[in-house]
C-alpha atoms as a PDB file:
ATOM      1  CA  MET A   1      56.280 -68.976 -25.596  1.00  0.00           C
ATOM      2  CA  TYR A   2      57.577 -72.445 -26.435  1.00  0.00           C
ATOM      3  CA  ASP A   3      59.427 -72.779 -23.110  1.00  0.00           C
ATOM      4  CA  ASN A   4      56.892 -71.218 -20.722  1.00  0.00           C
ATOM      5  CA  GLY A   5      53.602 -72.214 -22.312  1.00  0.00           C
ATOM      6  CA  VAL A   6      51.400 -75.271 -22.488  1.00  0.00           C
ATOM      7  CA  ARG A   7      51.569 -77.623 -25.456  1.00  0.00           C
ATOM      8  CA  TYR A   8      48.422 -79.138 -26.946  1.00  0.00           C
ATOM      9  CA  ALA A   9      48.705 -81.811 -29.633  1.00  0.00           C
ATOM     10  CA  CYS A  10      46.124 -83.542 -31.768  1.00  0.00           C
ATOM     11  CA  PRO A  11      46.259 -85.289 -35.155  1.00  0.00           C
ATOM     12  CA  LEU A  12      45.461 -82.047 -37.009  1.00  0.00           C
ATOM     13  CA  PHE A  13      47.813 -79.587 -35.321  1.00  0.00           C
ATOM     14  CA  ALA A  14      50.068 -78.790 -32.404  1.00  0.00           C
ATOM     15  CA  ALA A  15      49.404 -75.626 -30.411  1.00  0.00           C
ATOM     16  CA  PHE A  16      51.542 -73.705 -27.957  1.00  0.00           C
ATOM     17  CA  CYS A  17      49.565 -71.608 -25.495  1.00  0.00           C
ATOM     18  CA  VAL A  18      50.747 -69.058 -22.978  1.00  0.00           C
ATOM     19  CA  ARG A  19      48.693 -66.909 -20.626  1.00  0.00           C
ATOM     20  CA  GLU A  20      49.600 -63.225 -20.640  1.00  0.00           C
ATOM     21  CA  PRO A  21      47.582 -61.381 -17.956  1.00  0.00           C
ATOM     22  CA  GLU A  22      48.373 -57.981 -19.473  1.00  0.00           C
ATOM     23  CA  ALA A  23      47.141 -58.912 -22.970  1.00  0.00           C
ATOM     24  CA  ASP A  24      44.313 -56.892 -24.505  1.00  0.00           C
ATOM     25  CA  GLY A  25      42.742 -59.761 -26.417  1.00  0.00           C
ATOM     26  CA  PRO A  26      43.478 -63.277 -27.570  1.00  0.00           C
ATOM     27  CA  ARG A  27      46.332 -63.468 -30.052  1.00  0.00           C
ATOM     28  CA  ILE A  28      46.523 -66.331 -32.524  1.00  0.00           C
ATOM     29  CA  GLY A  29      49.455 -67.059 -34.826  1.00  0.00           C
ATOM     30  CA  PHE A  30      50.158 -69.784 -37.370  1.00  0.00           C
ATOM     31  CA  THR A  31      53.392 -71.485 -38.406  1.00  0.00           C
ATOM     32  CA  LEU A  32      53.670 -73.941 -41.265  1.00  0.00           C
ATOM     33  CA  PRO A  33      57.060 -75.336 -42.254  1.00  0.00           C
ATOM     34  CA  ARG A  34      57.903 -75.953 -45.902  1.00  0.00           C
ATOM     35  CA  ALA A  35      57.896 -79.672 -45.195  1.00  0.00           C
ATOM     36  CA  VAL A  36      54.073 -79.526 -45.105  1.00  0.00           C
ATOM     37  CA  GLY A  37      53.968 -78.738 -48.816  1.00  0.00           C
ATOM     38  CA  LYS A  38      54.280 -76.004 -51.377  1.00  0.00           C
ATOM     39  CA  SER A  39      52.915 -72.531 -50.657  1.00  0.00           C
ATOM     40  CA  VAL A  40      49.520 -73.283 -52.222  1.00  0.00           C
ATOM     41  CA  ILE A  41      49.032 -76.244 -49.873  1.00  0.00           C
ATOM     42  CA  ARG A  42      50.326 -74.348 -46.824  1.00  0.00           C
ATOM     43  CA  ASN A  43      48.030 -71.393 -47.538  1.00  0.00           C
ATOM     44  CA  ARG A  44      45.006 -73.652 -48.021  1.00  0.00           C
ATOM     45  CA  ILE A  45      45.686 -75.370 -44.688  1.00  0.00           C
ATOM     46  CA  ARG A  46      46.181 -72.005 -42.986  1.00  0.00           C
ATOM     47  CA  ARG A  47      42.881 -70.664 -44.378  1.00  0.00           C
ATOM     48  CA  ARG A  48      40.959 -73.732 -43.181  1.00  0.00           C
ATOM     49  CA  VAL A  49      42.358 -73.586 -39.663  1.00  0.00           C
ATOM     50  CA  ARG A  50      42.052 -69.790 -39.468  1.00  0.00           C
ATOM     51  CA  GLU A  51      38.359 -70.002 -40.368  1.00  0.00           C
ATOM     52  CA  ALA A  52      37.798 -72.594 -37.629  1.00  0.00           C
ATOM     53  CA  VAL A  53      39.564 -70.268 -35.170  1.00  0.00           C
ATOM     54  CA  ARG A  54      37.483 -67.292 -36.306  1.00  0.00           C
ATOM     55  CA  LEU A  55      34.246 -69.179 -35.650  1.00  0.00           C
ATOM     56  CA  GLN A  56      35.321 -70.146 -32.111  1.00  0.00           C
ATOM     57  CA  LEU A  57      37.368 -67.088 -31.100  1.00  0.00           C
ATOM     58  CA  GLU A  58      34.701 -65.497 -28.891  1.00  0.00           C
ATOM     59  CA  GLN A  59      34.912 -68.517 -26.570  1.00  0.00           C
ATOM     60  CA  LEU A  60      38.602 -67.900 -25.807  1.00  0.00           C
ATOM     61  CA  ASN A  61      39.684 -65.937 -22.749  1.00  0.00           C
ATOM     62  CA  PRO A  62      41.436 -62.704 -23.891  1.00  0.00           C
ATOM     63  CA  GLN A  63      44.554 -63.471 -21.834  1.00  0.00           C
ATOM     64  CA  TRP A  64      45.789 -66.215 -24.164  1.00  0.00           C
ATOM     65  CA  SER A  65      48.391 -66.113 -26.899  1.00  0.00           C
ATOM     66  CA  ILE A  66      48.416 -69.221 -29.071  1.00  0.00           C
ATOM     67  CA  VAL A  67      50.642 -70.390 -31.907  1.00  0.00           C
ATOM     68  CA  ILE A  68      49.048 -73.118 -33.997  1.00  0.00           C
ATOM     69  CA  ASN A  69      51.233 -75.409 -36.084  1.00  0.00           C
ATOM     70  CA  PRO A  70      48.872 -77.279 -38.449  1.00  0.00           C
ATOM     71  CA  ARG A  71      49.805 -80.664 -39.837  1.00  0.00           C
ATOM     72  CA  ARG A  72      49.231 -81.848 -43.384  1.00  0.00           C
ATOM     73  CA  LYS A  73      46.282 -83.954 -42.200  1.00  0.00           C
ATOM     74  CA  ALA A  74      44.346 -80.693 -41.616  1.00  0.00           C
ATOM     75  CA  LEU A  75      44.117 -80.283 -45.391  1.00  0.00           C
ATOM     76  CA  ASP A  76      42.012 -83.419 -45.918  1.00  0.00           C
ATOM     77  CA  ALA A  77      40.104 -83.430 -42.624  1.00  0.00           C
ATOM     78  CA  PRO A  78      36.442 -82.405 -42.658  1.00  0.00           C
ATOM     79  CA  VAL A  79      35.895 -78.787 -41.646  1.00  0.00           C
ATOM     80  CA  GLU A  80      33.714 -79.890 -38.746  1.00  0.00           C
ATOM     81  CA  GLU A  81      36.558 -81.989 -37.338  1.00  0.00           C
ATOM     82  CA  VAL A  82      38.929 -79.002 -37.507  1.00  0.00           C
ATOM     83  CA  ARG A  83      36.333 -76.878 -35.675  1.00  0.00           C
ATOM     84  CA  ARG A  84      35.926 -79.531 -32.963  1.00  0.00           C
ATOM     85  CA  GLU A  85      39.681 -79.689 -32.351  1.00  0.00           C
ATOM     86  CA  ILE A  86      39.933 -75.885 -32.141  1.00  0.00           C
ATOM     87  CA  GLU A  87      37.000 -75.879 -29.716  1.00  0.00           C
ATOM     88  CA  ARG A  88      38.752 -78.516 -27.557  1.00  0.00           C
ATOM     89  CA  LEU A  89      41.920 -76.422 -27.563  1.00  0.00           C
ATOM     90  CA  PHE A  90      40.058 -73.282 -26.456  1.00  0.00           C
ATOM     91  CA  ARG A  91      38.163 -75.180 -23.731  1.00  0.00           C
ATOM     92  CA  ARG A  92      41.418 -76.594 -22.431  1.00  0.00           C
ATOM     93  CA  CYS A  93      42.989 -73.127 -22.353  1.00  0.00           C
ATOM     94  CA  ASN A  94      40.019 -71.610 -20.539  1.00  0.00           C
ATOM     95  CA  GLY A  95      39.980 -74.467 -18.046  1.00  0.00           C
ATOM     96  CA  SER A  96      43.638 -74.039 -17.056  1.00  0.00           C
END
């Protein structure tokens, strides 16, 4: 995925996207290194980004597999900003 896919970066996260024509639905994964913070912080960031993905998921073409690597800034960013960045990511994937 990291070698063959497309990388998308923004201040809130980095995402690695790969198109899999045989996929049966969009697949989204999350990775957060320990350097981001303790488990409570990492889980809070993951929940915020996962909720933004859930709200936008129907817009994503089912052939995509995406790994999202949130940054610490996603913890303090307004929820609407996180949603906008996820929407931009999905539009970019669908446009490719």
